[in-house]
Amino acid sequence: IVFATGNAGKMKEIRLIMEDLGCEVVSMKEAGADP
């Protein structure tokens, strides 16, 4: 799951909430995109 955000604060919250989903959670920048 690639989250279309570069906000570190949002990504911290997102990862905590989605951690039990069992899939990789990354920001768009971590996915190599910066549109």
PDB file of all heavy atoms in Angstrom:
ATOM      1  N   ILE A   1       0.857  -1.182   0.000  1.00  0.00           N
ATOM      2  CA  ILE A   1       0.000   0.000   0.000  1.00  0.00           C
ATOM      3  C   ILE A   1       0.894   1.233   0.000  1.00  0.00           C
ATOM      4  O   ILE A   1       1.741   1.408   0.876  1.00  0.00           O
ATOM      5  CB  ILE A   1      -0.924   0.039   1.236  1.00  0.00           C
ATOM      6  CG1 ILE A   1      -1.842  -1.192   1.241  1.00  0.00           C
ATOM      7  CG2 ILE A   1      -1.762   1.310   1.216  1.00  0.00           C
ATOM      8  CD1 ILE A   1      -2.776  -1.230   2.421  1.00  0.00           C
ATOM      9  N   VAL A   2       0.712   2.062  -1.001  1.00  0.00           N
ATOM     10  CA  VAL A   2       1.476   3.298  -1.122  1.00  0.00           C
ATOM     11  C   VAL A   2       0.566   4.458  -0.750  1.00  0.00           C
ATOM     12  O   VAL A   2      -0.476   4.662  -1.368  1.00  0.00           O
ATOM     13  CB  VAL A   2       2.009   3.492  -2.558  1.00  0.00           C
ATOM     14  CG1 VAL A   2       2.767   4.813  -2.652  1.00  0.00           C
ATOM     15  CG2 VAL A   2       2.904   2.329  -2.949  1.00  0.00           C
ATOM     16  N   PHE A   3       0.942   5.209   0.280  1.00  0.00           N
ATOM     17  CA  PHE A   3       0.159   6.358   0.710  1.00  0.00           C
ATOM     18  C   PHE A   3       0.670   7.600   0.009  1.00  0.00           C
ATOM     19  O   PHE A   3       1.862   7.903   0.046  1.00  0.00           O
ATOM     20  CB  PHE A   3       0.230   6.532   2.228  1.00  0.00           C
ATOM     21  CG  PHE A   3      -0.766   5.679   2.958  1.00  0.00           C
ATOM     22  CD1 PHE A   3      -0.555   4.323   3.090  1.00  0.00           C
ATOM     23  CD2 PHE A   3      -1.928   6.221   3.463  1.00  0.00           C
ATOM     24  CE1 PHE A   3      -1.478   3.526   3.732  1.00  0.00           C
ATOM     25  CE2 PHE A   3      -2.855   5.435   4.105  1.00  0.00           C
ATOM     26  CZ  PHE A   3      -2.640   4.081   4.245  1.00  0.00           C
ATOM     27  N   ALA A   4      -0.244   8.308  -0.625  1.00  0.00           N
ATOM     28  CA  ALA A   4       0.127   9.497  -1.395  1.00  0.00           C
ATOM     29  C   ALA A   4       0.312  10.679  -0.467  1.00  0.00           C
ATOM     30  O   ALA A   4      -0.440  11.648  -0.478  1.00  0.00           O
ATOM     31  CB  ALA A   4      -0.937   9.795  -2.443  1.00  0.00           C
ATOM     32  N   THR A   5       1.315  10.581   0.385  1.00  0.00           N
ATOM     33  CA  THR A   5       1.649  11.674   1.285  1.00  0.00           C
ATOM     34  C   THR A   5       3.141  11.642   1.578  1.00  0.00           C
ATOM     35  O   THR A   5       3.753  10.569   1.569  1.00  0.00           O
ATOM     36  CB  THR A   5       0.865  11.589   2.615  1.00  0.00           C
ATOM     37  OG1 THR A   5       1.184  12.725   3.420  1.00  0.00           O
ATOM     38  CG2 THR A   5       1.199  10.323   3.382  1.00  0.00           C
ATOM     39  N   GLY A   6       3.706  12.802   1.804  1.00  0.00           N
ATOM     40  CA  GLY A   6       5.100  12.887   2.198  1.00  0.00           C
ATOM     41  C   GLY A   6       5.223  13.359   3.631  1.00  0.00           C
ATOM     42  O   GLY A   6       6.317  13.625   4.127  1.00  0.00           O
ATOM     43  N   ASN A   7       4.075  13.462   4.335  1.00  0.00           N
ATOM     44  CA  ASN A   7       4.032  13.960   5.705  1.00  0.00           C
ATOM     45  C   ASN A   7       4.457  12.871   6.685  1.00  0.00           C
ATOM     46  O   ASN A   7       3.771  11.865   6.845  1.00  0.00           O
ATOM     47  CB  ASN A   7       2.609  14.447   6.011  1.00  0.00           C
ATOM     48  CG  ASN A   7       2.507  15.129   7.357  1.00  0.00           C
ATOM     49  OD1 ASN A   7       2.834  14.546   8.374  1.00  0.00           O
ATOM     50  ND2 ASN A   7       2.022  16.352   7.352  1.00  0.00           N
ATOM     51  N   ALA A   8       5.598  13.073   7.343  1.00  0.00           N
ATOM     52  CA  ALA A   8       6.140  12.064   8.255  1.00  0.00           C
ATOM     53  C   ALA A   8       5.204  11.800   9.431  1.00  0.00           C
ATOM     54  O   ALA A   8       5.081  10.657   9.896  1.00  0.00           O
ATOM     55  CB  ALA A   8       7.511  12.499   8.761  1.00  0.00           C
ATOM     56  N   GLY A   9       4.534  12.854   9.932  1.00  0.00           N
ATOM     57  CA  GLY A   9       3.607  12.681  11.048  1.00  0.00           C
ATOM     58  C   GLY A   9       2.433  11.798  10.672  1.00  0.00           C
ATOM     59  O   GLY A   9       2.016  10.923  11.439  1.00  0.00           O
ATOM     60  N   LYS A  10       1.887  12.019   9.480  1.00  0.00           N
ATOM     61  CA  LYS A  10       0.776  11.185   9.017  1.00  0.00           C
ATOM     62  C   LYS A  10       1.223   9.738   8.843  1.00  0.00           C
ATOM     63  O   LYS A  10       0.514   8.803   9.228  1.00  0.00           O
ATOM     64  CB  LYS A  10       0.239  11.708   7.686  1.00  0.00           C
ATOM     65  CG  LYS A  10      -0.606  12.965   7.786  1.00  0.00           C
ATOM     66  CD  LYS A  10      -1.186  13.324   6.434  1.00  0.00           C
ATOM     67  CE  LYS A  10      -2.024  14.599   6.511  1.00  0.00           C
ATOM     68  NZ  LYS A  10      -2.593  14.958   5.193  1.00  0.00           N
ATOM     69  N   MET A  11       2.411   9.548   8.254  1.00  0.00           N
ATOM     70  CA  MET A  11       2.880   8.188   8.017  1.00  0.00           C
ATOM     71  C   MET A  11       3.088   7.431   9.334  1.00  0.00           C
ATOM     72  O   MET A  11       2.846   6.221   9.407  1.00  0.00           O
ATOM     73  CB  MET A  11       4.178   8.209   7.206  1.00  0.00           C
ATOM     74  CG  MET A  11       3.984   8.510   5.719  1.00  0.00           C
ATOM     75  SD  MET A  11       2.790   7.410   4.883  1.00  0.00           S
ATOM     76  CE  MET A  11       3.494   5.785   5.201  1.00  0.00           C
ATOM     77  N   LYS A  12       3.517   8.123  10.382  1.00  0.00           N
ATOM     78  CA  LYS A  12       3.700   7.478  11.678  1.00  0.00           C
ATOM     79  C   LYS A  12       2.370   6.962  12.204  1.00  0.00           C
ATOM     80  O   LYS A  12       2.257   5.817  12.662  1.00  0.00           O
ATOM     81  CB  LYS A  12       4.319   8.467  12.672  1.00  0.00           C
ATOM     82  CG  LYS A  12       4.626   7.856  14.034  1.00  0.00           C
ATOM     83  CD  LYS A  12       5.293   8.882  14.951  1.00  0.00           C
ATOM     84  CE  LYS A  12       5.595   8.270  16.317  1.00  0.00           C
ATOM     85  NZ  LYS A  12       6.252   9.256  17.217  1.00  0.00           N
ATOM     86  N   GLU A  13       1.322   7.804  12.116  1.00  0.00           N
ATOM     87  CA  GLU A  13      -0.008   7.392  12.554  1.00  0.00           C
ATOM     88  C   GLU A  13      -0.536   6.261  11.685  1.00  0.00           C
ATOM     89  O   GLU A  13      -1.116   5.289  12.178  1.00  0.00           O
ATOM     90  CB  GLU A  13      -0.973   8.578  12.497  1.00  0.00           C
ATOM     91  CG  GLU A  13      -0.696   9.653  13.516  1.00  0.00           C
ATOM     92  CD  GLU A  13      -1.712  10.781  13.456  1.00  0.00           C
ATOM     93  OE1 GLU A  13      -2.742  10.605  12.763  1.00  0.00           O
ATOM     94  OE2 GLU A  13      -1.493  11.820  14.076  1.00  0.00           O
ATOM     95  N   ILE A  14      -0.369   6.391  10.382  1.00  0.00           N
ATOM     96  CA  ILE A  14      -0.880   5.404   9.438  1.00  0.00           C
ATOM     97  C   ILE A  14      -0.276   4.025   9.701  1.00  0.00           C
ATOM     98  O   ILE A  14      -0.974   3.011   9.737  1.00  0.00           O
ATOM     99  CB  ILE A  14      -0.591   5.853   7.987  1.00  0.00           C
ATOM    100  CG1 ILE A  14      -1.511   7.021   7.612  1.00  0.00           C
ATOM    101  CG2 ILE A  14      -0.778   4.698   7.009  1.00  0.00           C
ATOM    102  CD1 ILE A  14      -1.091   7.761   6.352  1.00  0.00           C
ATOM    103  N   ARG A  15       1.041   3.980   9.899  1.00  0.00           N
ATOM    104  CA  ARG A  15       1.708   2.687  10.108  1.00  0.00           C
ATOM    105  C   ARG A  15       1.228   2.017  11.392  1.00  0.00           C
ATOM    106  O   ARG A  15       1.064   0.794  11.450  1.00  0.00           O
ATOM    107  CB  ARG A  15       3.219   2.872  10.129  1.00  0.00           C
ATOM    108  CG  ARG A  15       3.820   3.108   8.744  1.00  0.00           C
ATOM    109  CD  ARG A  15       5.338   2.948   8.750  1.00  0.00           C
ATOM    110  NE  ARG A  15       5.868   2.990   7.400  1.00  0.00           N
ATOM    111  CZ  ARG A  15       6.411   4.062   6.835  1.00  0.00           C
ATOM    112  NH1 ARG A  15       6.514   5.201   7.529  1.00  0.00           N
ATOM    113  NH2 ARG A  15       6.867   4.017   5.601  1.00  0.00           N
ATOM    114  N   LEU A  16       1.006   2.808  12.450  1.00  0.00           N
ATOM    115  CA  LEU A  16       0.520   2.241  13.708  1.00  0.00           C
ATOM    116  C   LEU A  16      -0.860   1.619  13.530  1.00  0.00           C
ATOM    117  O   LEU A  16      -1.152   0.547  14.051  1.00  0.00           O
ATOM    118  CB  LEU A  16       0.465   3.330  14.789  1.00  0.00           C
ATOM    119  CG  LEU A  16       1.784   3.701  15.457  1.00  0.00           C
ATOM    120  CD1 LEU A  16       1.590   4.909  16.370  1.00  0.00           C
ATOM    121  CD2 LEU A  16       2.325   2.520  16.257  1.00  0.00           C
ATOM    122  N   ILE A  17      -1.712   2.298  12.782  1.00  0.00           N
ATOM    123  CA  ILE A  17      -3.081   1.825  12.602  1.00  0.00           C
ATOM    124  C   ILE A  17      -3.148   0.641  11.640  1.00  0.00           C
ATOM    125  O   ILE A  17      -3.937  -0.291  11.818  1.00  0.00           O
ATOM    126  CB  ILE A  17      -3.983   2.968  12.092  1.00  0.00           C
ATOM    127  CG1 ILE A  17      -4.103   4.041  13.188  1.00  0.00           C
ATOM    128  CG2 ILE A  17      -5.362   2.458  11.696  1.00  0.00           C
ATOM    129  CD1 ILE A  17      -4.728   5.333  12.723  1.00  0.00           C
ATOM    130  N   MET A  18      -2.289   0.644  10.616  1.00  0.00           N
ATOM    131  CA  MET A  18      -2.357  -0.378   9.577  1.00  0.00           C
ATOM    132  C   MET A  18      -1.417  -1.563   9.814  1.00  0.00           C
ATOM    133  O   MET A  18      -1.380  -2.492   9.022  1.00  0.00           O
ATOM    134  CB  MET A  18      -2.015   0.251   8.218  1.00  0.00           C
ATOM    135  CG  MET A  18      -2.869   1.438   7.830  1.00  0.00           C
ATOM    136  SD  MET A  18      -4.597   1.031   7.491  1.00  0.00           S
ATOM    137  CE  MET A  18      -4.470   0.398   5.809  1.00  0.00           C
ATOM    138  N   GLU A  19      -0.648  -1.556  10.919  1.00  0.00           N
ATOM    139  CA  GLU A  19       0.396  -2.554  11.102  1.00  0.00           C
ATOM    140  C   GLU A  19      -0.125  -3.980  11.136  1.00  0.00           C
ATOM    141  O   GLU A  19       0.563  -4.919  10.702  1.00  0.00           O
ATOM    142  CB  GLU A  19       1.213  -2.257  12.358  1.00  0.00           C
ATOM    143  CG  GLU A  19       0.430  -2.311  13.663  1.00  0.00           C
ATOM    144  CD  GLU A  19       1.296  -1.928  14.858  1.00  0.00           C
ATOM    145  OE1 GLU A  19       2.509  -1.710  14.646  1.00  0.00           O
ATOM    146  OE2 GLU A  19       0.774  -1.862  15.986  1.00  0.00           O
ATOM    147  N   ASP A  20      -1.363  -4.186  11.634  1.00  0.00           N
ATOM    148  CA  ASP A  20      -1.879  -5.553  11.711  1.00  0.00           C
ATOM    149  C   ASP A  20      -2.514  -6.022  10.404  1.00  0.00           C
ATOM    150  O   ASP A  20      -3.042  -7.125  10.322  1.00  0.00           O
ATOM    151  CB  ASP A  20      -2.885  -5.678  12.855  1.00  0.00           C
ATOM    152  CG  ASP A  20      -4.138  -4.848  12.636  1.00  0.00           C
ATOM    153  OD1 ASP A  20      -4.074  -3.887  11.843  1.00  0.00           O
ATOM    154  OD2 ASP A  20      -5.171  -5.154  13.260  1.00  0.00           O
ATOM    155  N   LEU A  21      -2.430  -5.194   9.377  1.00  0.00           N
ATOM    156  CA  LEU A  21      -2.985  -5.591   8.082  1.00  0.00           C
ATOM    157  C   LEU A  21      -2.087  -6.629   7.409  1.00  0.00           C
ATOM    158  O   LEU A  21      -2.525  -7.380   6.555  1.00  0.00           O
ATOM    159  CB  LEU A  21      -3.140  -4.362   7.177  1.00  0.00           C
ATOM    160  CG  LEU A  21      -3.980  -4.505   5.910  1.00  0.00           C
ATOM    161  CD1 LEU A  21      -5.377  -5.010   6.228  1.00  0.00           C
ATOM    162  CD2 LEU A  21      -4.052  -3.177   5.177  1.00  0.00           C
ATOM    163  N   GLY A  22      -0.809  -6.642   7.821  1.00  0.00           N
ATOM    164  CA  GLY A  22       0.094  -7.658   7.309  1.00  0.00           C
ATOM    165  C   GLY A  22       0.645  -7.395   5.928  1.00  0.00           C
ATOM    166  O   GLY A  22       1.094  -8.317   5.245  1.00  0.00           O
ATOM    167  N   CYS A  23       0.622  -6.132   5.484  1.00  0.00           N
ATOM    168  CA  CYS A  23       1.182  -5.812   4.177  1.00  0.00           C
ATOM    169  C   CYS A  23       2.156  -4.639   4.315  1.00  0.00           C
ATOM    170  O   CYS A  23       2.169  -3.949   5.325  1.00  0.00           O
ATOM    171  CB  CYS A  23       0.089  -5.492   3.162  1.00  0.00           C
ATOM    172  SG  CYS A  23      -0.967  -4.138   3.655  1.00  0.00           S
ATOM    173  N   GLU A  24       2.945  -4.418   3.285  1.00  0.00           N
ATOM    174  CA  GLU A  24       3.920  -3.336   3.302  1.00  0.00           C
ATOM    175  C   GLU A  24       3.217  -1.999   3.138  1.00  0.00           C
ATOM    176  O   GLU A  24       2.391  -1.821   2.245  1.00  0.00           O
ATOM    177  CB  GLU A  24       4.929  -3.528   2.164  1.00  0.00           C
ATOM    178  CG  GLU A  24       6.052  -2.513   2.151  1.00  0.00           C
ATOM    179  CD  GLU A  24       6.992  -2.705   0.975  1.00  0.00           C
ATOM    180  OE1 GLU A  24       6.667  -3.500   0.077  1.00  0.00           O
ATOM    181  OE2 GLU A  24       8.046  -2.039   0.960  1.00  0.00           O
ATOM    182  N   VAL A  25       3.525  -1.040   4.009  1.00  0.00           N
ATOM    183  CA  VAL A  25       2.936   0.295   3.956  1.00  0.00           C
ATOM    184  C   VAL A  25       4.049   1.308   3.767  1.00  0.00           C
ATOM    185  O   VAL A  25       4.952   1.405   4.610  1.00  0.00           O
ATOM    186  CB  VAL A  25       2.141   0.612   5.249  1.00  0.00           C
ATOM    187  CG1 VAL A  25       1.612   2.038   5.219  1.00  0.00           C
ATOM    188  CG2 VAL A  25       0.998  -0.371   5.440  1.00  0.00           C
ATOM    189  N   VAL A  26       4.019   2.045   2.666  1.00  0.00           N
ATOM    190  CA  VAL A  26       5.085   3.004   2.373  1.00  0.00           C
ATOM    191  C   VAL A  26       4.495   4.335   1.923  1.00  0.00           C
ATOM    192  O   VAL A  26       3.344   4.407   1.475  1.00  0.00           O
ATOM    193  CB  VAL A  26       6.038   2.482   1.270  1.00  0.00           C
ATOM    194  CG1 VAL A  26       6.710   1.194   1.710  1.00  0.00           C
ATOM    195  CG2 VAL A  26       5.288   2.269  -0.040  1.00  0.00           C
ATOM    196  N   SER A  27       5.279   5.393   2.049  1.00  0.00           N
ATOM    197  CA  SER A  27       4.871   6.695   1.518  1.00  0.00           C
ATOM    198  C   SER A  27       5.227   6.732   0.044  1.00  0.00           C
ATOM    199  O   SER A  27       5.988   5.904  -0.453  1.00  0.00           O
ATOM    200  CB  SER A  27       5.616   7.819   2.240  1.00  0.00           C
ATOM    201  OG  SER A  27       6.986   7.818   1.873  1.00  0.00           O
ATOM    202  N   MET A  28       4.675   7.721  -0.671  1.00  0.00           N
ATOM    203  CA  MET A  28       4.955   7.802  -2.107  1.00  0.00           C
ATOM    204  C   MET A  28       6.441   8.044  -2.356  1.00  0.00           C
ATOM    205  O   MET A  28       7.012   7.511  -3.308  1.00  0.00           O
ATOM    206  CB  MET A  28       4.118   8.895  -2.760  1.00  0.00           C
ATOM    207  CG  MET A  28       4.446  10.282  -2.302  1.00  0.00           C
ATOM    208  SD  MET A  28       3.480  11.496  -3.208  1.00  0.00           S
ATOM    209  CE  MET A  28       4.249  12.996  -2.606  1.00  0.00           C
ATOM    210  N   LYS A  29       7.082   8.809  -1.482  1.00  0.00           N
ATOM    211  CA  LYS A  29       8.506   9.079  -1.677  1.00  0.00           C
ATOM    212  C   LYS A  29       9.329   7.825  -1.469  1.00  0.00           C
ATOM    213  O   LYS A  29      10.320   7.585  -2.168  1.00  0.00           O
ATOM    214  CB  LYS A  29       8.963  10.198  -0.738  1.00  0.00           C
ATOM    215  CG  LYS A  29       8.418  11.561  -1.133  1.00  0.00           C
ATOM    216  CD  LYS A  29       8.976  12.676  -0.269  1.00  0.00           C
ATOM    217  CE  LYS A  29       8.449  14.031  -0.709  1.00  0.00           C
ATOM    218  NZ  LYS A  29       8.971  15.142   0.118  1.00  0.00           N
ATOM    219  N   GLU A  30       8.916   7.008  -0.497  1.00  0.00           N
ATOM    220  CA  GLU A  30       9.607   5.740  -0.262  1.00  0.00           C
ATOM    221  C   GLU A  30       9.421   4.800  -1.449  1.00  0.00           C
ATOM    222  O   GLU A  30      10.234   3.910  -1.686  1.00  0.00           O
ATOM    223  CB  GLU A  30       9.092   5.087   1.020  1.00  0.00           C
ATOM    224  CG  GLU A  30       9.497   5.835   2.280  1.00  0.00           C
ATOM    225  CD  GLU A  30       8.770   5.357   3.508  1.00  0.00           C
ATOM    226  OE1 GLU A  30       7.622   4.872   3.379  1.00  0.00           O
ATOM    227  OE2 GLU A  30       9.342   5.465   4.611  1.00  0.00           O
ATOM    228  N   ALA A  31       8.324   5.025  -2.188  1.00  0.00           N
ATOM    229  CA  ALA A  31       8.057   4.212  -3.376  1.00  0.00           C
ATOM    230  C   ALA A  31       8.768   4.780  -4.601  1.00  0.00           C
ATOM    231  O   ALA A  31       8.622   4.269  -5.704  1.00  0.00           O
ATOM    232  CB  ALA A  31       6.556   4.134  -3.623  1.00  0.00           C
ATOM    233  N   GLY A  32       9.507   5.872  -4.398  1.00  0.00           N
ATOM    234  CA  GLY A  32      10.277   6.449  -5.490  1.00  0.00           C
ATOM    235  C   GLY A  32       9.518   7.447  -6.327  1.00  0.00           C
ATOM    236  O   GLY A  32       9.892   7.738  -7.467  1.00  0.00           O
ATOM    237  N   ALA A  33       8.434   8.020  -5.782  1.00  0.00           N
ATOM    238  CA  ALA A  33       7.637   8.982  -6.547  1.00  0.00           C
ATOM    239  C   ALA A  33       7.558  10.309  -5.801  1.00  0.00           C
ATOM    240  O   ALA A  33       7.438  10.341  -4.584  1.00  0.00           O
ATOM    241  CB  ALA A  33       6.233   8.436  -6.764  1.00  0.00           C
ATOM    242  N   ASP A  34       7.637  11.386  -6.533  1.00  0.00           N
ATOM    243  CA  ASP A  34       7.526  12.718  -5.945  1.00  0.00           C
ATOM    244  C   ASP A  34       6.834  13.653  -6.941  1.00  0.00           C
ATOM    245  O   ASP A  34       7.390  14.671  -7.348  1.00  0.00           O
ATOM    246  CB  ASP A  34       8.904  13.255  -5.574  1.00  0.00           C
ATOM    247  CG  ASP A  34       8.807  14.512  -4.719  1.00  0.00           C
ATOM    248  OD1 ASP A  34       7.710  14.783  -4.204  1.00  0.00           O
ATOM    249  OD2 ASP A  34       9.834  15.213  -4.587  1.00  0.00           O
ATOM    250  N   PRO A  35       5.603  13.316  -7.339  1.00  0.00           N
ATOM    251  CA  PRO A  35       4.914  14.086  -8.377  1.00  0.00           C
ATOM    252  C   PRO A  35       4.303  15.366  -7.821  1.00  0.00           C
ATOM    253  O   PRO A  35       4.104  15.503  -6.624  1.00  0.00           O
ATOM    254  CB  PRO A  35       3.815  13.133  -8.833  1.00  0.00           C
ATOM    255  CG  PRO A  35       3.482  12.413  -7.577  1.00  0.00           C
ATOM    256  CD  PRO A  35       4.789  12.202  -6.863  1.00  0.00           C
TER     257      PRO A  35
END
